[in-house]
């Protein structure tokens, strides 16, 4: 994953990769941001947990409704008060809400 490429997204504050267990593997931080490596470590673990829960919900929804197409889950976004995080696979980017373009972020995570 090219973290520098993710940092080129408008409003990007941090880009990171993590293991399947949620261990922070690599990160880039925008100079002057209040985001810390410790915050990204916690966020990485949260990403793994959220993907697991969303996967369980998707599987249950498909089983209960008979509908399909909710799996496989690859990514998600979470909107906070000032920042959003966009995650796909084992990579993510934190972006200021006033600048975020979710589609561009998901696209960048797929090719970066």
PDB file of N, CA and C in Angstrom:
ATOM      1  N   UNK A   1       0.847  -1.171   0.000  1.00  0.00           N
ATOM      2  CA  UNK A   1       0.000   0.000   0.000  1.00  0.00           C
ATOM      3  C   UNK A   1       0.895   1.238   0.000  1.00  0.00           C
ATOM      4  N   UNK A   2       0.611   2.158  -0.879  1.00  0.00           N
ATOM      5  CA  UNK A   2       1.378   3.401  -0.982  1.00  0.00           C
ATOM      6  C   UNK A   2       0.728   4.464  -0.091  1.00  0.00           C
ATOM      7  N   UNK A   3       1.219   4.576   1.126  1.00  0.00           N
ATOM      8  CA  UNK A   3       0.636   5.513   2.082  1.00  0.00           C
ATOM      9  C   UNK A   3       0.802   6.956   1.635  1.00  0.00           C
ATOM     10  N   UNK A   4       1.902   7.268   0.965  1.00  0.00           N
ATOM     11  CA  UNK A   4       2.104   8.631   0.463  1.00  0.00           C
ATOM     12  C   UNK A   4       1.015   9.004  -0.534  1.00  0.00           C
ATOM     13  N   UNK A   5       0.600   8.059  -1.362  1.00  0.00           N
ATOM     14  CA  UNK A   5      -0.474   8.314  -2.333  1.00  0.00           C
ATOM     15  C   UNK A   5      -1.785   8.635  -1.598  1.00  0.00           C
ATOM     16  N   UNK A   6      -2.049   7.903  -0.521  1.00  0.00           N
ATOM     17  CA  UNK A   6      -3.254   8.178   0.262  1.00  0.00           C
ATOM     18  C   UNK A   6      -3.189   9.558   0.902  1.00  0.00           C
ATOM     19  N   UNK A   7      -2.006   9.977   1.292  1.00  0.00           N
ATOM     20  CA  UNK A   7      -1.839  11.284   1.927  1.00  0.00           C
ATOM     21  C   UNK A   7      -2.076  12.429   0.942  1.00  0.00           C
ATOM     22  N   UNK A   8      -2.139  12.129  -0.349  1.00  0.00           N
ATOM     23  CA  UNK A   8      -2.432  13.148  -1.353  1.00  0.00           C
ATOM     24  C   UNK A   8      -3.926  13.464  -1.454  1.00  0.00           C
ATOM     25  N   UNK A   9      -4.763  12.649  -0.832  1.00  0.00           N
ATOM     26  CA  UNK A   9      -6.199  12.930  -0.839  1.00  0.00           C
ATOM     27  C   UNK A   9      -6.456  14.251  -0.119  1.00  0.00           C
ATOM     28  N   UNK A  10      -7.354  15.077  -0.638  1.00  0.00           N
ATOM     29  CA  UNK A  10      -7.659  16.345   0.036  1.00  0.00           C
ATOM     30  C   UNK A  10      -8.110  16.107   1.479  1.00  0.00           C
ATOM     31  N   UNK A  11      -7.483  16.795   2.408  1.00  0.00           N
ATOM     32  CA  UNK A  11      -7.852  16.699   3.812  1.00  0.00           C
ATOM     33  C   UNK A  11      -7.296  15.504   4.549  1.00  0.00           C
ATOM     34  N   UNK A  12      -6.445  14.689   3.891  1.00  0.00           N
ATOM     35  CA  UNK A  12      -5.902  13.501   4.556  1.00  0.00           C
ATOM     36  C   UNK A  12      -5.022  13.925   5.728  1.00  0.00           C
ATOM     37  N   UNK A  13      -5.287  13.342   6.881  1.00  0.00           N
ATOM     38  CA  UNK A  13      -4.516  13.617   8.089  1.00  0.00           C
ATOM     39  C   UNK A  13      -3.579  12.470   8.441  1.00  0.00           C
ATOM     40  N   UNK A  14      -3.965  11.258   8.056  1.00  0.00           N
ATOM     41  CA  UNK A  14      -3.154  10.083   8.358  1.00  0.00           C
ATOM     42  C   UNK A  14      -3.544   8.957   7.413  1.00  0.00           C
ATOM     43  N   UNK A  15      -2.581   8.112   7.123  1.00  0.00           N
ATOM     44  CA  UNK A  15      -2.816   6.891   6.356  1.00  0.00           C
ATOM     45  C   UNK A  15      -2.113   5.769   7.099  1.00  0.00           C
ATOM     46  N   UNK A  16      -2.696   4.577   7.050  1.00  0.00           N
ATOM     47  CA  UNK A  16      -2.134   3.500   7.855  1.00  0.00           C
ATOM     48  C   UNK A  16      -2.477   2.132   7.272  1.00  0.00           C
ATOM     49  N   UNK A  17      -1.671   1.149   7.647  1.00  0.00           N
ATOM     50  CA  UNK A  17      -1.953  -0.244   7.340  1.00  0.00           C
ATOM     51  C   UNK A  17      -1.882  -1.028   8.640  1.00  0.00           C
ATOM     52  N   UNK A  18      -2.580  -2.156   8.655  1.00  0.00           N
ATOM     53  CA  UNK A  18      -2.622  -2.973   9.858  1.00  0.00           C
ATOM     54  C   UNK A  18      -2.757  -4.446   9.481  1.00  0.00           C
ATOM     55  N   UNK A  19      -2.390  -5.294  10.425  1.00  0.00           N
ATOM     56  CA  UNK A  19      -2.466  -6.739  10.212  1.00  0.00           C
ATOM     57  C   UNK A  19      -3.902  -7.225  10.409  1.00  0.00           C
ATOM     58  N   UNK A  20      -4.131  -8.490  10.071  1.00  0.00           N
ATOM     59  CA  UNK A  20      -5.455  -9.087  10.268  1.00  0.00           C
ATOM     60  C   UNK A  20      -5.852  -9.134  11.739  1.00  0.00           C
ATOM     61  N   UNK A  21      -4.877  -9.033  12.633  1.00  0.00           N
ATOM     62  CA  UNK A  21      -5.156  -9.017  14.080  1.00  0.00           C
ATOM     63  C   UNK A  21      -5.327  -7.595  14.614  1.00  0.00           C
ATOM     64  N   UNK A  22      -5.097  -6.588  13.771  1.00  0.00           N
ATOM     65  CA  UNK A  22      -5.271  -5.208  14.201  1.00  0.00           C
ATOM     66  C   UNK A  22      -4.008  -4.524  14.656  1.00  0.00           C
ATOM     67  N   UNK A  23      -2.859  -5.147  14.420  1.00  0.00           N
ATOM     68  CA  UNK A  23      -1.599  -4.502  14.784  1.00  0.00           C
ATOM     69  C   UNK A  23      -1.235  -3.460  13.731  1.00  0.00           C
ATOM     70  N   UNK A  24      -0.977  -2.246  14.160  1.00  0.00           N
ATOM     71  CA  UNK A  24      -0.558  -1.184  13.254  1.00  0.00           C
ATOM     72  C   UNK A  24       0.767  -1.584  12.629  1.00  0.00           C
ATOM     73  N   UNK A  25       0.836  -1.582  11.296  1.00  0.00           N
ATOM     74  CA  UNK A  25       2.055  -2.002  10.612  1.00  0.00           C
ATOM     75  C   UNK A  25       2.858  -0.829  10.077  1.00  0.00           C
ATOM     76  N   UNK A  26       2.179   0.155   9.512  1.00  0.00           N
ATOM     77  CA  UNK A  26       2.865   1.318   8.948  1.00  0.00           C
ATOM     78  C   UNK A  26       1.901   2.492   8.988  1.00  0.00           C
ATOM     79  N   UNK A  27       2.451   3.696   9.025  1.00  0.00           N
ATOM     80  CA  UNK A  27       1.590   4.875   9.029  1.00  0.00           C
ATOM     81  C   UNK A  27       2.345   6.102   8.525  1.00  0.00           C
ATOM     82  N   UNK A  28       1.570   7.064   8.066  1.00  0.00           N
ATOM     83  CA  UNK A  28       2.058   8.394   7.697  1.00  0.00           C
ATOM     84  C   UNK A  28       1.136   9.389   8.384  1.00  0.00           C
ATOM     85  N   UNK A  29       1.712  10.440   8.938  1.00  0.00           N
ATOM     86  CA  UNK A  29       0.923  11.476   9.606  1.00  0.00           C
ATOM     87  C   UNK A  29       1.186  12.824   8.947  1.00  0.00           C
ATOM     88  N   UNK A  30       0.143  13.613   8.769  1.00  0.00           N
ATOM     89  CA  UNK A  30       0.298  14.976   8.273  1.00  0.00           C
ATOM     90  C   UNK A  30       0.986  15.789   9.355  1.00  0.00           C
ATOM     91  N   UNK A  31       1.978  16.538   8.984  1.00  0.00           N
ATOM     92  CA  UNK A  31       2.678  17.383   9.947  1.00  0.00           C
ATOM     93  C   UNK A  31       1.678  18.340  10.594  1.00  0.00           C
ATOM     94  N   UNK A  32       1.751  18.424  11.913  1.00  0.00           N
ATOM     95  CA  UNK A  32       0.870  19.310  12.659  1.00  0.00           C
ATOM     96  C   UNK A  32      -0.453  18.693  13.073  1.00  0.00           C
ATOM     97  N   UNK A  33      -0.739  17.458  12.635  1.00  0.00           N
ATOM     98  CA  UNK A  33      -2.000  16.834  13.023  1.00  0.00           C
ATOM     99  C   UNK A  33      -1.948  16.412  14.486  1.00  0.00           C
ATOM    100  N   UNK A  34      -3.105  16.347  15.103  1.00  0.00           N
ATOM    101  CA  UNK A  34      -3.166  15.882  16.483  1.00  0.00           C
ATOM    102  C   UNK A  34      -3.313  14.368  16.570  1.00  0.00           C
ATOM    103  N   UNK A  35      -3.411  13.701  15.430  1.00  0.00           N
ATOM    104  CA  UNK A  35      -3.485  12.241  15.411  1.00  0.00           C
ATOM    105  C   UNK A  35      -2.103  11.685  15.740  1.00  0.00           C
ATOM    106  N   UNK A  36      -2.080  10.662  16.588  1.00  0.00           N
ATOM    107  CA  UNK A  36      -0.821  10.060  17.022  1.00  0.00           C
ATOM    108  C   UNK A  36      -0.751   8.605  16.569  1.00  0.00           C
ATOM    109  N   UNK A  37       0.445   8.042  16.578  1.00  0.00           N
ATOM    110  CA  UNK A  37       0.548   6.607  16.286  1.00  0.00           C
ATOM    111  C   UNK A  37      -0.285   5.755  17.251  1.00  0.00           C
ATOM    112  N   UNK A  38      -0.386   6.170  18.495  1.00  0.00           N
ATOM    113  CA  UNK A  38      -1.192   5.428  19.461  1.00  0.00           C
ATOM    114  C   UNK A  38      -2.666   5.435  19.059  1.00  0.00           C
ATOM    115  N   UNK A  39      -3.139   6.571  18.555  1.00  0.00           N
ATOM    116  CA  UNK A  39      -4.520   6.642  18.096  1.00  0.00           C
ATOM    117  C   UNK A  39      -4.732   5.715  16.900  1.00  0.00           C
ATOM    118  N   UNK A  40      -3.766   5.668  15.996  1.00  0.00           N
ATOM    119  CA  UNK A  40      -3.875   4.794  14.829  1.00  0.00           C
ATOM    120  C   UNK A  40      -3.824   3.330  15.230  1.00  0.00           C
ATOM    121  N   UNK A  41      -3.057   2.999  16.267  1.00  0.00           N
ATOM    122  CA  UNK A  41      -3.017   1.628  16.757  1.00  0.00           C
ATOM    123  C   UNK A  41      -4.395   1.213  17.264  1.00  0.00           C
ATOM    124  N   UNK A  42      -5.019   2.071  18.055  1.00  0.00           N
ATOM    125  CA  UNK A  42      -6.367   1.787  18.547  1.00  0.00           C
ATOM    126  C   UNK A  42      -7.360   1.722  17.390  1.00  0.00           C
ATOM    127  N   UNK A  43      -7.236   2.628  16.445  1.00  0.00           N
ATOM    128  CA  UNK A  43      -8.117   2.643  15.282  1.00  0.00           C
ATOM    129  C   UNK A  43      -7.955   1.360  14.467  1.00  0.00           C
ATOM    130  N   UNK A  44      -6.743   0.871  14.327  1.00  0.00           N
ATOM    131  CA  UNK A  44      -6.494  -0.374  13.592  1.00  0.00           C
ATOM    132  C   UNK A  44      -7.243  -1.538  14.231  1.00  0.00           C
ATOM    133  N   UNK A  45      -7.187  -1.613  15.548  1.00  0.00           N
ATOM    134  CA  UNK A  45      -7.891  -2.690  16.256  1.00  0.00           C
ATOM    135  C   UNK A  45      -9.407  -2.526  16.114  1.00  0.00           C
ATOM    136  N   UNK A  46      -9.870  -1.297  16.129  1.00  0.00           N
ATOM    137  CA  UNK A  46     -11.280  -1.021  15.935  1.00  0.00           C
ATOM    138  C   UNK A  46     -11.734  -1.428  14.536  1.00  0.00           C
ATOM    139  N   UNK A  47     -10.876  -1.212  13.543  1.00  0.00           N
ATOM    140  CA  UNK A  47     -11.216  -1.585  12.165  1.00  0.00           C
ATOM    141  C   UNK A  47     -11.435  -3.090  12.048  1.00  0.00           C
ATOM    142  N   UNK A  48     -10.547  -3.871  12.639  1.00  0.00           N
ATOM    143  CA  UNK A  48     -10.686  -5.323  12.592  1.00  0.00           C
ATOM    144  C   UNK A  48     -11.981  -5.743  13.284  1.00  0.00           C
ATOM    145  N   UNK A  49     -12.256  -5.168  14.440  1.00  0.00           N
ATOM    146  CA  UNK A  49     -13.478  -5.507  15.175  1.00  0.00           C
ATOM    147  C   UNK A  49     -14.720  -5.116  14.381  1.00  0.00           C
ATOM    148  N   UNK A  50     -14.724  -3.927  13.799  1.00  0.00           N
ATOM    149  CA  UNK A  50     -15.884  -3.479  13.028  1.00  0.00           C
ATOM    150  C   UNK A  50     -16.115  -4.341  11.793  1.00  0.00           C
ATOM    151  N   UNK A  51     -15.048  -4.741  11.113  1.00  0.00           N
ATOM    152  CA  UNK A  51     -15.204  -5.621   9.951  1.00  0.00           C
ATOM    153  C   UNK A  51     -15.761  -6.975  10.362  1.00  0.00           C
ATOM    154  N   UNK A  52     -15.335  -7.482  11.513  1.00  0.00           N
ATOM    155  CA  UNK A  52     -15.856  -8.764  12.005  1.00  0.00           C
ATOM    156  C   UNK A  52     -17.345  -8.652  12.317  1.00  0.00           C
ATOM    157  N   UNK A  53     -17.737  -7.585  12.975  1.00  0.00           N
ATOM    158  CA  UNK A  53     -19.152  -7.395  13.316  1.00  0.00           C
ATOM    159  C   UNK A  53     -19.983  -7.200  12.056  1.00  0.00           C
ATOM    160  N   UNK A  54     -19.494  -6.379  11.139  1.00  0.00           N
ATOM    161  CA  UNK A  54     -20.228  -6.154   9.887  1.00  0.00           C
ATOM    162  C   UNK A  54     -20.351  -7.448   9.086  1.00  0.00           C
ATOM    163  N   UNK A  55     -19.318  -8.279   9.108  1.00  0.00           N
ATOM    164  CA  UNK A  55     -19.383  -9.568   8.426  1.00  0.00           C
ATOM    165  C   UNK A  55     -20.433 -10.476   9.032  1.00  0.00           C
ATOM    166  N   UNK A  56     -20.507 -10.488  10.349  1.00  0.00           N
ATOM    167  CA  UNK A  56     -21.527 -11.276  11.030  1.00  0.00           C
ATOM    168  C   UNK A  56     -22.921 -10.774  10.653  1.00  0.00           C
ATOM    169  N   UNK A  57     -23.094  -9.463  10.641  1.00  0.00           N
ATOM    170  CA  UNK A  57     -24.397  -8.886  10.294  1.00  0.00           C
ATOM    171  C   UNK A  57     -24.765  -9.196   8.848  1.00  0.00           C
ATOM    172  N   UNK A  58     -23.807  -9.107   7.951  1.00  0.00           N
ATOM    173  CA  UNK A  58     -24.080  -9.404   6.538  1.00  0.00           C
ATOM    174  C   UNK A  58     -24.482 -10.863   6.362  1.00  0.00           C
ATOM    175  N   UNK A  59     -23.759 -11.746   7.013  1.00  0.00           N
ATOM    176  CA  UNK A  59     -24.080 -13.176   6.914  1.00  0.00           C
ATOM    177  C   UNK A  59     -25.472 -13.452   7.473  1.00  0.00           C
ATOM    178  N   UNK A  60     -25.784 -12.842   8.612  1.00  0.00           N
ATOM    179  CA  UNK A  60     -27.104 -13.025   9.208  1.00  0.00           C
ATOM    180  C   UNK A  60     -28.213 -12.446   8.341  1.00  0.00           C
ATOM    181  N   UNK A  61     -27.982 -11.282   7.769  1.00  0.00           N
ATOM    182  CA  UNK A  61     -28.976 -10.651   6.903  1.00  0.00           C
ATOM    183  C   UNK A  61     -29.261 -11.530   5.698  1.00  0.00           C
ATOM    184  N   UNK A  62     -28.205 -12.079   5.101  1.00  0.00           N
ATOM    185  CA  UNK A  62     -28.396 -12.958   3.951  1.00  0.00           C
ATOM    186  C   UNK A  62     -29.171 -14.217   4.343  1.00  0.00           C
ATOM    187  N   UNK A  63     -28.846 -14.777   5.515  1.00  0.00           N
ATOM    188  CA  UNK A  63     -29.521 -15.994   5.963  1.00  0.00           C
ATOM    189  C   UNK A  63     -30.988 -15.750   6.285  1.00  0.00           C
ATOM    190  N   UNK A  64     -31.296 -14.641   6.917  1.00  0.00           N
ATOM    191  CA  UNK A  64     -32.665 -14.351   7.352  1.00  0.00           C
ATOM    192  C   UNK A  64     -33.545 -13.921   6.180  1.00  0.00           C
ATOM    193  N   UNK A  65     -32.989 -13.129   5.269  1.00  0.00           N
ATOM    194  CA  UNK A  65     -33.808 -12.563   4.195  1.00  0.00           C
ATOM    195  C   UNK A  65     -33.757 -13.348   2.896  1.00  0.00           C
ATOM    196  N   UNK A  66     -32.736 -14.175   2.736  1.00  0.00           N
ATOM    197  CA  UNK A  66     -32.562 -14.872   1.467  1.00  0.00           C
ATOM    198  C   UNK A  66     -31.928 -13.999   0.391  1.00  0.00           C
ATOM    199  N   UNK A  67     -31.672 -12.736   0.714  1.00  0.00           N
ATOM    200  CA  UNK A  67     -30.998 -11.849  -0.225  1.00  0.00           C
ATOM    201  C   UNK A  67     -29.509 -12.150  -0.206  1.00  0.00           C
ATOM    202  N   UNK A  68     -28.825 -11.745  -1.273  1.00  0.00           N
ATOM    203  CA  UNK A  68     -27.381 -11.963  -1.314  1.00  0.00           C
ATOM    204  C   UNK A  68     -26.689 -10.715  -1.824  1.00  0.00           C
ATOM    205  N   UNK A  69     -25.378 -10.744  -1.816  1.00  0.00           N
ATOM    206  CA  UNK A  69     -24.597  -9.626  -2.325  1.00  0.00           C
ATOM    207  C   UNK A  69     -24.003  -8.733  -1.253  1.00  0.00           C
ATOM    208  N   UNK A  70     -24.216  -9.076   0.002  1.00  0.00           N
ATOM    209  CA  UNK A  70     -23.666  -8.261   1.081  1.00  0.00           C
ATOM    210  C   UNK A  70     -22.234  -8.656   1.427  1.00  0.00           C
ATOM    211  N   UNK A  71     -21.810  -9.810   0.919  1.00  0.00           N
ATOM    212  CA  UNK A  71     -20.469 -10.302   1.187  1.00  0.00           C
ATOM    213  C   UNK A  71     -19.737 -10.514  -0.127  1.00  0.00           C
ATOM    214  N   UNK A  72     -18.462 -10.480  -0.180  1.00  0.00           N
ATOM    215  CA  UNK A  72     -17.564 -10.251   0.939  1.00  0.00           C
ATOM    216  C   UNK A  72     -17.455  -8.768   1.270  1.00  0.00           C
ATOM    217  N   UNK A  73     -17.342  -8.477   2.540  1.00  0.00           N
ATOM    218  CA  UNK A  73     -17.109  -7.108   2.989  1.00  0.00           C
ATOM    219  C   UNK A  73     -15.642  -6.783   2.798  1.00  0.00           C
ATOM    220  N   UNK A  74     -15.375  -5.609   2.269  1.00  0.00           N
ATOM    221  CA  UNK A  74     -13.985  -5.200   2.091  1.00  0.00           C
ATOM    222  C   UNK A  74     -13.677  -3.914   2.837  1.00  0.00           C
ATOM    223  N   UNK A  75     -14.630  -3.010   2.909  1.00  0.00           N
ATOM    224  CA  UNK A  75     -14.322  -1.733   3.514  1.00  0.00           C
ATOM    225  C   UNK A  75     -15.539  -1.080   4.135  1.00  0.00           C
ATOM    226  N   UNK A  76     -15.287   0.040   4.781  1.00  0.00           N
ATOM    227  CA  UNK A  76     -16.353   0.807   5.417  1.00  0.00           C
ATOM    228  C   UNK A  76     -15.817   2.195   5.722  1.00  0.00           C
ATOM    229  N   UNK A  77     -16.713   3.062   6.141  1.00  0.00           N
ATOM    230  CA  UNK A  77     -16.312   4.385   6.620  1.00  0.00           C
ATOM    231  C   UNK A  77     -17.045   4.660   7.921  1.00  0.00           C
ATOM    232  N   UNK A  78     -16.399   5.461   8.753  1.00  0.00           N
ATOM    233  CA  UNK A  78     -16.993   5.909  10.001  1.00  0.00           C
ATOM    234  C   UNK A  78     -16.832   7.418  10.045  1.00  0.00           C
ATOM    235  N   UNK A  79     -17.922   8.107  10.301  1.00  0.00           N
ATOM    236  CA  UNK A  79     -17.906   9.561  10.336  1.00  0.00           C
ATOM    237  C   UNK A  79     -17.885  10.022  11.779  1.00  0.00           C
ATOM    238  N   UNK A  80     -16.872  10.792  12.127  1.00  0.00           N
ATOM    239  CA  UNK A  80     -16.772  11.373  13.455  1.00  0.00           C
ATOM    240  C   UNK A  80     -17.195  12.835  13.414  1.00  0.00           C
ATOM    241  N   UNK A  81     -16.957  13.538  14.484  1.00  0.00           N
ATOM    242  CA  UNK A  81     -17.344  14.949  14.552  1.00  0.00           C
ATOM    243  C   UNK A  81     -16.486  15.829  13.646  1.00  0.00           C
ATOM    244  N   UNK A  82     -15.183  15.559  13.604  1.00  0.00           N
ATOM    245  CA  UNK A  82     -14.277  16.371  12.794  1.00  0.00           C
ATOM    246  C   UNK A  82     -13.582  15.581  11.699  1.00  0.00           C
ATOM    247  N   UNK A  83     -13.415  14.278  11.909  1.00  0.00           N
ATOM    248  CA  UNK A  83     -12.698  13.427  10.969  1.00  0.00           C
ATOM    249  C   UNK A  83     -13.566  12.248  10.585  1.00  0.00           C
ATOM    250  N   UNK A  84     -13.247  11.678   9.439  1.00  0.00           N
ATOM    251  CA  UNK A  84     -13.814  10.399   9.027  1.00  0.00           C
ATOM    252  C   UNK A  84     -12.664   9.450   8.763  1.00  0.00           C
ATOM    253  N   UNK A  85     -12.922   8.176   8.922  1.00  0.00           N
ATOM    254  CA  UNK A  85     -11.943   7.168   8.525  1.00  0.00           C
ATOM    255  C   UNK A  85     -12.581   6.323   7.431  1.00  0.00           C
ATOM    256  N   UNK A  86     -11.806   6.073   6.396  1.00  0.00           N
ATOM    257  CA  UNK A  86     -12.239   5.215   5.298  1.00  0.00           C
ATOM    258  C   UNK A  86     -11.264   4.052   5.262  1.00  0.00           C
ATOM    259  N   UNK A  87     -11.808   2.836   5.265  1.00  0.00           N
ATOM    260  CA  UNK A  87     -11.003   1.632   5.351  1.00  0.00           C
ATOM    261  C   UNK A  87     -11.389   0.686   4.226  1.00  0.00           C
ATOM    262  N   UNK A  88     -10.384   0.061   3.647  1.00  0.00           N
ATOM    263  CA  UNK A  88     -10.614  -0.980   2.649  1.00  0.00           C
ATOM    264  C   UNK A  88      -9.483  -1.983   2.782  1.00  0.00           C
ATOM    265  N   UNK A  89      -9.836  -3.243   2.910  1.00  0.00           N
ATOM    266  CA  UNK A  89      -8.799  -4.244   3.148  1.00  0.00           C
ATOM    267  C   UNK A  89      -8.148  -3.969   4.485  1.00  0.00           C
ATOM    268  N   UNK A  90      -6.832  -3.938   4.507  1.00  0.00           N
ATOM    269  CA  UNK A  90      -6.094  -3.681   5.743  1.00  0.00           C
ATOM    270  C   UNK A  90      -5.416  -2.325   5.706  1.00  0.00           C
ATOM    271  N   UNK A  91      -6.052  -1.367   5.063  1.00  0.00           N
ATOM    272  CA  UNK A  91      -5.510  -0.011   4.964  1.00  0.00           C
ATOM    273  C   UNK A  91      -6.615   0.993   5.230  1.00  0.00           C
ATOM    274  N   UNK A  92      -6.202   2.161   5.716  1.00  0.00           N
ATOM    275  CA  UNK A  92      -7.176   3.200   5.978  1.00  0.00           C
ATOM    276  C   UNK A  92      -6.582   4.577   5.854  1.00  0.00           C
ATOM    277  N   UNK A  93      -7.468   5.556   5.782  1.00  0.00           N
ATOM    278  CA  UNK A  93      -7.061   6.949   5.721  1.00  0.00           C
ATOM    279  C   UNK A  93      -8.020   7.754   6.586  1.00  0.00           C
ATOM    280  N   UNK A  94      -7.469   8.681   7.354  1.00  0.00           N
ATOM    281  CA  UNK A  94      -8.253   9.591   8.179  1.00  0.00           C
ATOM    282  C   UNK A  94      -8.291  10.931   7.451  1.00  0.00           C
ATOM    283  N   UNK A  95      -9.500  11.456   7.252  1.00  0.00           N
ATOM    284  CA  UNK A  95      -9.686  12.664   6.454  1.00  0.00           C
ATOM    285  C   UNK A  95     -10.575  13.646   7.209  1.00  0.00           C
ATOM    286  N   UNK A  96     -10.217  14.936   7.140  1.00  0.00           N
ATOM    287  CA  UNK A  96     -11.078  15.976   7.731  1.00  0.00           C
ATOM    288  C   UNK A  96     -12.445  15.938   7.048  1.00  0.00           C
ATOM    289  N   UNK A  97     -13.500  16.019   7.817  1.00  0.00           N
ATOM    290  CA  UNK A  97     -14.858  15.940   7.267  1.00  0.00           C
ATOM    291  C   UNK A  97     -15.149  17.036   6.244  1.00  0.00           C
ATOM    292  N   UNK A  98     -14.622  18.217   6.459  1.00  0.00           N
ATOM    293  CA  UNK A  98     -14.938  19.307   5.524  1.00  0.00           C
ATOM    294  C   UNK A  98     -14.328  19.073   4.143  1.00  0.00           C
ATOM    295  N   UNK A  99     -13.360  18.150   4.048  1.00  0.00           N
ATOM    296  CA  UNK A  99     -12.676  17.888   2.784  1.00  0.00           C
ATOM    297  C   UNK A  99     -12.941  16.500   2.219  1.00  0.00           C
ATOM    298  N   UNK A 100     -13.616  15.641   2.956  1.00  0.00           N
ATOM    299  CA  UNK A 100     -13.692  14.232   2.587  1.00  0.00           C
ATOM    300  C   UNK A 100     -14.507  14.008   1.305  1.00  0.00           C
ATOM    301  N   UNK A 101     -13.984  13.153   0.466  1.00  0.00           N
ATOM    302  CA  UNK A 101     -14.671  12.630  -0.718  1.00  0.00           C
ATOM    303  C   UNK A 101     -14.595  11.114  -0.569  1.00  0.00           C
ATOM    304  N   UNK A 102     -15.680  10.514  -0.096  1.00  0.00           N
ATOM    305  CA  UNK A 102     -15.666   9.093   0.236  1.00  0.00           C
ATOM    306  C   UNK A 102     -15.371   8.221  -0.983  1.00  0.00           C
ATOM    307  N   UNK A 103     -15.965   8.538  -2.103  1.00  0.00           N
ATOM    308  CA  UNK A 103     -15.727   7.734  -3.300  1.00  0.00           C
ATOM    309  C   UNK A 103     -14.271   7.792  -3.721  1.00  0.00           C
ATOM    310  N   UNK A 104     -13.666   8.981  -3.681  1.00  0.00           N
ATOM    311  CA  UNK A 104     -12.249   9.116  -4.037  1.00  0.00           C
ATOM    312  C   UNK A 104     -11.364   8.355  -3.052  1.00  0.00           C
ATOM    313  N   UNK A 105     -11.728   8.398  -1.779  1.00  0.00           N
ATOM    314  CA  UNK A 105     -10.940   7.686  -0.767  1.00  0.00           C
ATOM    315  C   UNK A 105     -11.015   6.178  -0.982  1.00  0.00           C
ATOM    316  N   UNK A 106     -12.229   5.641  -1.215  1.00  0.00           N
ATOM    317  CA  UNK A 106     -12.351   4.202  -1.470  1.00  0.00           C
ATOM    318  C   UNK A 106     -11.582   3.810  -2.739  1.00  0.00           C
ATOM    319  N   UNK A 107     -11.659   4.632  -3.773  1.00  0.00           N
ATOM    320  CA  UNK A 107     -10.928   4.345  -5.007  1.00  0.00           C
ATOM    321  C   UNK A 107      -9.434   4.339  -4.764  1.00  0.00           C
ATOM    322  N   UNK A 108      -8.943   5.308  -4.009  1.00  0.00           N
ATOM    323  CA  UNK A 108      -7.504   5.376  -3.724  1.00  0.00           C
ATOM    324  C   UNK A 108      -7.052   4.168  -2.904  1.00  0.00           C
ATOM    325  N   UNK A 109      -7.884   3.707  -1.980  1.00  0.00           N
ATOM    326  CA  UNK A 109      -7.527   2.545  -1.179  1.00  0.00           C
ATOM    327  C   UNK A 109      -7.494   1.280  -2.005  1.00  0.00           C
ATOM    328  N   UNK A 110      -8.237   1.222  -3.083  1.00  0.00           N
ATOM    329  CA  UNK A 110      -8.251   0.030  -3.936  1.00  0.00           C
ATOM    330  C   UNK A 110      -7.018  -0.045  -4.824  1.00  0.00           C
ATOM    331  N   UNK A 111      -6.454   1.097  -5.188  1.00  0.00           N
ATOM    332  CA  UNK A 111      -5.333   1.083  -6.137  1.00  0.00           C
ATOM    333  C   UNK A 111      -4.005   1.487  -5.523  1.00  0.00           C
ATOM    334  N   UNK A 112      -4.022   2.075  -4.343  1.00  0.00           N
ATOM    335  CA  UNK A 112      -2.773   2.577  -3.750  1.00  0.00           C
ATOM    336  C   UNK A 112      -1.813   1.464  -3.427  1.00  0.00           C
TER     337      UNK A 112
END
